[in-house]
Amino acid sequence: MSSAPDAQPDSAAIASALKTAMRHMPSPVALISATDAATGEPAGLAATAFVPVAMEPPSMLVCVNLGGSAHAVIESTGAFCINVIGLAQADELLPFAIPDRREERFQGAAWGERHGLPFLAGAAANIFCRTARRDIFGTHEIFIGEVFDVIVNTDAAPALWHGGKVVELPVA
């Protein structure tokens, strides 16, 4: 059995290589949304870092950049919605991925409100969570939320994030 290398790796080079590797691995993409309790304004971000944790209790994990505008809202509100996008919502992604387009995030889309949280109507799925646990690792905070409601749209054409863009998932 081999052990970990003793030499200190070049973390910037490793991070760059990891980004390149991850761009070549297809993953679902979501818009994570929450409502600022103080102002009532919606906040959100684009994410590929979300996964189910357990079915007992039903729970999801999302990773949110500490420097992102939505982080403080999710942290203080204690609730969020994972809006898993399908092909029909691909155009909604860019305003959430590009900070300079922040003002466009909740305009022009079919955003509704449920349980006090903004949700994207017509998305492949909307998963409503209450924060159960949090942990900071590096530049991100990991939120584990207990799922308290789910909307599933089985008619939505599935989409994946691959190579820096939304692509269609071929369905057999």
C-alpha atoms as a PDB file:
ATOM      1  CA  MET A   1       0.000   0.000   0.000  1.00  0.00           C
ATOM      2  CA  SER A   2       1.414   3.390  -0.942  1.00  0.00           C
ATOM      3  CA  SER A   3       1.207   6.515   1.130  1.00  0.00           C
ATOM      4  CA  ALA A   4       0.515  10.114   0.189  1.00  0.00           C
ATOM      5  CA  PRO A   5       3.472  11.989  -1.345  1.00  0.00           C
ATOM      6  CA  ASP A   6       5.683  13.952   1.041  1.00  0.00           C
ATOM      7  CA  ALA A   7       6.314  16.872  -1.346  1.00  0.00           C
ATOM      8  CA  GLN A   8       4.011  19.865  -1.127  1.00  0.00           C
ATOM      9  CA  PRO A   9       2.027  20.122  -4.369  1.00  0.00           C
ATOM     10  CA  ASP A  10       1.598  23.396  -6.231  1.00  0.00           C
ATOM     11  CA  SER A  11      -1.974  24.113  -5.103  1.00  0.00           C
ATOM     12  CA  ALA A  12      -2.654  26.621  -7.912  1.00  0.00           C
ATOM     13  CA  ALA A  13      -1.611  24.059 -10.537  1.00  0.00           C
ATOM     14  CA  ILE A  14      -3.680  21.350  -8.841  1.00  0.00           C
ATOM     15  CA  ALA A  15      -6.730  23.650  -8.697  1.00  0.00           C
ATOM     16  CA  SER A  16      -6.356  24.507 -12.386  1.00  0.00           C
ATOM     17  CA  ALA A  17      -6.051  20.843 -13.354  1.00  0.00           C
ATOM     18  CA  LEU A  18      -9.052  19.957 -11.178  1.00  0.00           C
ATOM     19  CA  LYS A  19     -11.167  22.667 -12.878  1.00  0.00           C
ATOM     20  CA  THR A  20     -10.205  21.265 -16.271  1.00  0.00           C
ATOM     21  CA  ALA A  21     -11.025  17.725 -15.152  1.00  0.00           C
ATOM     22  CA  MET A  22     -14.400  18.751 -13.739  1.00  0.00           C
ATOM     23  CA  ARG A  23     -15.345  20.622 -16.948  1.00  0.00           C
ATOM     24  CA  HIS A  24     -15.091  17.264 -18.722  1.00  0.00           C
ATOM     25  CA  MET A  25     -17.375  15.478 -16.273  1.00  0.00           C
ATOM     26  CA  PRO A  26     -21.056  16.051 -17.009  1.00  0.00           C
ATOM     27  CA  SER A  27     -23.177  17.014 -14.022  1.00  0.00           C
ATOM     28  CA  PRO A  28     -26.628  18.381 -13.337  1.00  0.00           C
ATOM     29  CA  VAL A  29     -26.830  22.117 -12.810  1.00  0.00           C
ATOM     30  CA  ALA A  30     -29.126  24.030 -10.496  1.00  0.00           C
ATOM     31  CA  LEU A  31     -30.046  27.521  -9.467  1.00  0.00           C
ATOM     32  CA  ILE A  32     -29.987  27.715  -5.686  1.00  0.00           C
ATOM     33  CA  SER A  33     -32.436  30.342  -4.440  1.00  0.00           C
ATOM     34  CA  ALA A  34     -33.377  31.908  -1.122  1.00  0.00           C
ATOM     35  CA  THR A  35     -35.156  34.988   0.187  1.00  0.00           C
ATOM     36  CA  ASP A  36     -33.400  37.673   2.209  1.00  0.00           C
ATOM     37  CA  ALA A  37     -35.335  37.796   5.490  1.00  0.00           C
ATOM     38  CA  ALA A  38     -34.452  41.462   6.051  1.00  0.00           C
ATOM     39  CA  THR A  39     -35.406  42.829   2.627  1.00  0.00           C
ATOM     40  CA  GLY A  40     -37.677  40.161   1.157  1.00  0.00           C
ATOM     41  CA  GLU A  41     -35.518  40.187  -1.985  1.00  0.00           C
ATOM     42  CA  PRO A  42     -34.593  36.951  -3.737  1.00  0.00           C
ATOM     43  CA  ALA A  43     -30.971  35.835  -3.961  1.00  0.00           C
ATOM     44  CA  GLY A  44     -29.395  32.983  -5.852  1.00  0.00           C
ATOM     45  CA  LEU A  45     -26.441  31.303  -7.487  1.00  0.00           C
ATOM     46  CA  ALA A  46     -25.657  28.683 -10.096  1.00  0.00           C
ATOM     47  CA  ALA A  47     -24.284  25.413  -8.753  1.00  0.00           C
ATOM     48  CA  THR A  48     -23.169  22.000  -9.854  1.00  0.00           C
ATOM     49  CA  ALA A  49     -22.090  21.115  -6.306  1.00  0.00           C
ATOM     50  CA  PHE A  50     -25.291  19.578  -4.961  1.00  0.00           C
ATOM     51  CA  VAL A  51     -26.097  15.967  -4.123  1.00  0.00           C
ATOM     52  CA  PRO A  52     -28.550  13.949  -2.067  1.00  0.00           C
ATOM     53  CA  VAL A  53     -27.175  12.977   1.339  1.00  0.00           C
ATOM     54  CA  ALA A  54     -29.770  10.520   2.649  1.00  0.00           C
ATOM     55  CA  MET A  55     -33.380   9.469   2.236  1.00  0.00           C
ATOM     56  CA  GLU A  56     -33.845   9.066   6.010  1.00  0.00           C
ATOM     57  CA  PRO A  57     -34.193  11.917   6.617  1.00  0.00           C
ATOM     58  CA  PRO A  58     -34.533  13.202   3.047  1.00  0.00           C
ATOM     59  CA  SER A  59     -31.630  15.630   2.704  1.00  0.00           C
ATOM     60  CA  MET A  60     -29.481  17.478   0.176  1.00  0.00           C
ATOM     61  CA  LEU A  61     -26.002  18.979   0.280  1.00  0.00           C
ATOM     62  CA  VAL A  62     -25.074  22.224  -1.501  1.00  0.00           C
ATOM     63  CA  CYS A  63     -21.724  24.019  -1.556  1.00  0.00           C
ATOM     64  CA  VAL A  64     -21.838  27.826  -1.615  1.00  0.00           C
ATOM     65  CA  ASN A  65     -18.889  30.163  -2.142  1.00  0.00           C
ATOM     66  CA  LEU A  66     -18.309  32.255   0.987  1.00  0.00           C
ATOM     67  CA  GLY A  67     -17.687  35.343  -1.179  1.00  0.00           C
ATOM     68  CA  GLY A  68     -20.861  34.957  -3.236  1.00  0.00           C
ATOM     69  CA  SER A  69     -23.737  37.390  -2.815  1.00  0.00           C
ATOM     70  CA  ALA A  70     -26.230  34.626  -1.961  1.00  0.00           C
ATOM     71  CA  HIS A  71     -24.108  33.078   0.791  1.00  0.00           C
ATOM     72  CA  ALA A  72     -25.153  35.486   3.566  1.00  0.00           C
ATOM     73  CA  VAL A  73     -28.818  35.151   2.572  1.00  0.00           C
ATOM     74  CA  ILE A  74     -28.772  31.349   2.677  1.00  0.00           C
ATOM     75  CA  GLU A  75     -26.801  31.432   5.918  1.00  0.00           C
ATOM     76  CA  SER A  76     -29.177  33.830   7.691  1.00  0.00           C
ATOM     77  CA  THR A  77     -32.451  32.505   6.249  1.00  0.00           C
ATOM     78  CA  GLY A  78     -31.773  28.861   6.999  1.00  0.00           C
ATOM     79  CA  ALA A  79     -33.712  27.688   3.947  1.00  0.00           C
ATOM     80  CA  PHE A  80     -33.049  27.325   0.239  1.00  0.00           C
ATOM     81  CA  CYS A  81     -34.500  25.835  -2.918  1.00  0.00           C
ATOM     82  CA  ILE A  82     -32.484  23.746  -5.360  1.00  0.00           C
ATOM     83  CA  ASN A  83     -33.957  24.407  -8.818  1.00  0.00           C
ATOM     84  CA  VAL A  84     -32.572  21.654 -11.060  1.00  0.00           C
ATOM     85  CA  ILE A  85     -32.704  23.121 -14.549  1.00  0.00           C
ATOM     86  CA  GLY A  86     -33.796  21.383 -17.700  1.00  0.00           C
ATOM     87  CA  LEU A  87     -33.078  22.461 -21.272  1.00  0.00           C
ATOM     88  CA  ALA A  88     -35.925  24.990 -21.222  1.00  0.00           C
ATOM     89  CA  GLN A  89     -34.186  26.903 -18.394  1.00  0.00           C
ATOM     90  CA  ALA A  90     -30.699  26.986 -19.950  1.00  0.00           C
ATOM     91  CA  ASP A  91     -30.989  30.724 -20.665  1.00  0.00           C
ATOM     92  CA  GLU A  92     -31.673  31.393 -16.976  1.00  0.00           C
ATOM     93  CA  LEU A  93     -28.239  30.109 -15.991  1.00  0.00           C
ATOM     94  CA  LEU A  94     -25.938  32.937 -17.178  1.00  0.00           C
ATOM     95  CA  PRO A  95     -27.322  35.716 -14.954  1.00  0.00           C
ATOM     96  CA  PHE A  96     -26.709  33.428 -11.962  1.00  0.00           C
ATOM     97  CA  ALA A  97     -23.215  32.445 -13.074  1.00  0.00           C
ATOM     98  CA  ILE A  98     -21.956  35.948 -13.926  1.00  0.00           C
ATOM     99  CA  PRO A  99     -21.862  38.450 -11.028  1.00  0.00           C
ATOM    100  CA  ASP A 100     -22.145  41.458 -13.401  1.00  0.00           C
ATOM    101  CA  ARG A 101     -25.573  40.158 -14.508  1.00  0.00           C
ATOM    102  CA  ARG A 102     -26.909  39.865 -10.934  1.00  0.00           C
ATOM    103  CA  GLU A 103     -29.735  42.359 -11.623  1.00  0.00           C
ATOM    104  CA  GLU A 104     -31.166  40.022 -14.301  1.00  0.00           C
ATOM    105  CA  ARG A 105     -31.385  36.959 -12.066  1.00  0.00           C
ATOM    106  CA  PHE A 106     -35.070  36.944 -11.223  1.00  0.00           C
ATOM    107  CA  GLN A 107     -36.359  38.869 -14.251  1.00  0.00           C
ATOM    108  CA  GLY A 108     -38.136  37.366 -17.223  1.00  0.00           C
ATOM    109  CA  ALA A 109     -38.263  33.819 -15.906  1.00  0.00           C
ATOM    110  CA  ALA A 110     -41.166  31.902 -14.495  1.00  0.00           C
ATOM    111  CA  TRP A 111     -40.186  32.497 -10.880  1.00  0.00           C
ATOM    112  CA  GLY A 112     -42.831  31.798  -8.280  1.00  0.00           C
ATOM    113  CA  GLU A 113     -42.857  31.668  -4.502  1.00  0.00           C
ATOM    114  CA  ARG A 114     -43.543  28.659  -2.312  1.00  0.00           C
ATOM    115  CA  HIS A 115     -42.858  28.357   1.418  1.00  0.00           C
ATOM    116  CA  GLY A 116     -41.390  31.871   1.264  1.00  0.00           C
ATOM    117  CA  LEU A 117     -38.714  30.754  -1.214  1.00  0.00           C
ATOM    118  CA  PRO A 118     -38.326  31.671  -4.877  1.00  0.00           C
ATOM    119  CA  PHE A 119     -38.598  28.674  -7.196  1.00  0.00           C
ATOM    120  CA  LEU A 120     -38.238  28.297 -10.959  1.00  0.00           C
ATOM    121  CA  ALA A 121     -41.525  26.998 -12.353  1.00  0.00           C
ATOM    122  CA  GLY A 122     -41.044  24.384 -15.050  1.00  0.00           C
ATOM    123  CA  ALA A 123     -37.627  23.301 -13.788  1.00  0.00           C
ATOM    124  CA  ALA A 124     -36.844  19.592 -13.864  1.00  0.00           C
ATOM    125  CA  ALA A 125     -37.138  19.638 -10.066  1.00  0.00           C
ATOM    126  CA  ASN A 126     -37.512  22.100  -7.212  1.00  0.00           C
ATOM    127  CA  ILE A 127     -36.184  20.786  -3.913  1.00  0.00           C
ATOM    128  CA  PHE A 128     -37.068  22.857  -0.842  1.00  0.00           C
ATOM    129  CA  CYS A 129     -34.719  22.512   2.148  1.00  0.00           C
ATOM    130  CA  ARG A 130     -34.244  23.779   5.694  1.00  0.00           C
ATOM    131  CA  THR A 131     -30.624  24.006   6.812  1.00  0.00           C
ATOM    132  CA  ALA A 132     -29.811  21.187   9.235  1.00  0.00           C
ATOM    133  CA  ARG A 133     -25.991  21.377   9.266  1.00  0.00           C
ATOM    134  CA  ARG A 134     -23.222  23.624   8.015  1.00  0.00           C
ATOM    135  CA  ASP A 135     -19.466  23.349   7.699  1.00  0.00           C
ATOM    136  CA  ILE A 136     -16.851  25.603   6.139  1.00  0.00           C
ATOM    137  CA  PHE A 137     -14.157  24.037   3.984  1.00  0.00           C
ATOM    138  CA  GLY A 138     -11.743  26.285   2.104  1.00  0.00           C
ATOM    139  CA  THR A 139     -13.597  28.928   0.095  1.00  0.00           C
ATOM    140  CA  HIS A 140     -17.032  27.315   0.479  1.00  0.00           C
ATOM    141  CA  GLU A 141     -19.664  26.570   3.075  1.00  0.00           C
ATOM    142  CA  ILE A 142     -21.329  23.193   2.899  1.00  0.00           C
ATOM    143  CA  PHE A 143     -25.033  23.327   3.726  1.00  0.00           C
ATOM    144  CA  ILE A 144     -26.955  20.140   4.423  1.00  0.00           C
ATOM    145  CA  GLY A 145     -30.659  20.763   4.201  1.00  0.00           C
ATOM    146  CA  GLU A 146     -33.548  18.559   5.245  1.00  0.00           C
ATOM    147  CA  VAL A 147     -35.935  18.352   2.315  1.00  0.00           C
ATOM    148  CA  PHE A 148     -39.468  19.402   3.225  1.00  0.00           C
ATOM    149  CA  ASP A 149     -41.061  19.661  -0.232  1.00  0.00           C
ATOM    150  CA  VAL A 150     -40.282  18.569  -3.790  1.00  0.00           C
ATOM    151  CA  ILE A 151     -41.816  19.454  -7.144  1.00  0.00           C
ATOM    152  CA  VAL A 152     -40.874  17.090  -9.977  1.00  0.00           C
ATOM    153  CA  ASN A 153     -41.496  17.935 -13.634  1.00  0.00           C
ATOM    154  CA  THR A 154     -41.146  14.660 -15.513  1.00  0.00           C
ATOM    155  CA  ASP A 155     -41.910  16.485 -18.794  1.00  0.00           C
ATOM    156  CA  ALA A 156     -38.790  18.666 -18.521  1.00  0.00           C
ATOM    157  CA  ALA A 157     -36.044  17.709 -20.971  1.00  0.00           C
ATOM    158  CA  PRO A 158     -32.997  16.899 -18.812  1.00  0.00           C
ATOM    159  CA  ALA A 159     -29.861  18.999 -19.120  1.00  0.00           C
ATOM    160  CA  LEU A 160     -26.265  18.601 -18.026  1.00  0.00           C
ATOM    161  CA  TRP A 161     -23.390  21.004 -17.439  1.00  0.00           C
ATOM    162  CA  HIS A 162     -20.414  19.925 -19.544  1.00  0.00           C
ATOM    163  CA  GLY A 163     -17.472  21.842 -20.988  1.00  0.00           C
ATOM    164  CA  GLY A 164     -18.703  25.134 -19.586  1.00  0.00           C
ATOM    165  CA  LYS A 165     -22.181  24.989 -21.111  1.00  0.00           C
ATOM    166  CA  VAL A 166     -25.579  23.360 -20.784  1.00  0.00           C
ATOM    167  CA  VAL A 167     -25.933  20.324 -23.021  1.00  0.00           C
ATOM    168  CA  GLU A 168     -28.799  17.992 -23.776  1.00  0.00           C
ATOM    169  CA  LEU A 169     -28.845  14.637 -22.098  1.00  0.00           C
ATOM    170  CA  PRO A 170     -29.424  12.058 -24.817  1.00  0.00           C
ATOM    171  CA  VAL A 171     -32.453   9.986 -23.852  1.00  0.00           C
ATOM    172  CA  ALA A 172     -32.639   6.458 -25.247  1.00  0.00           C
END
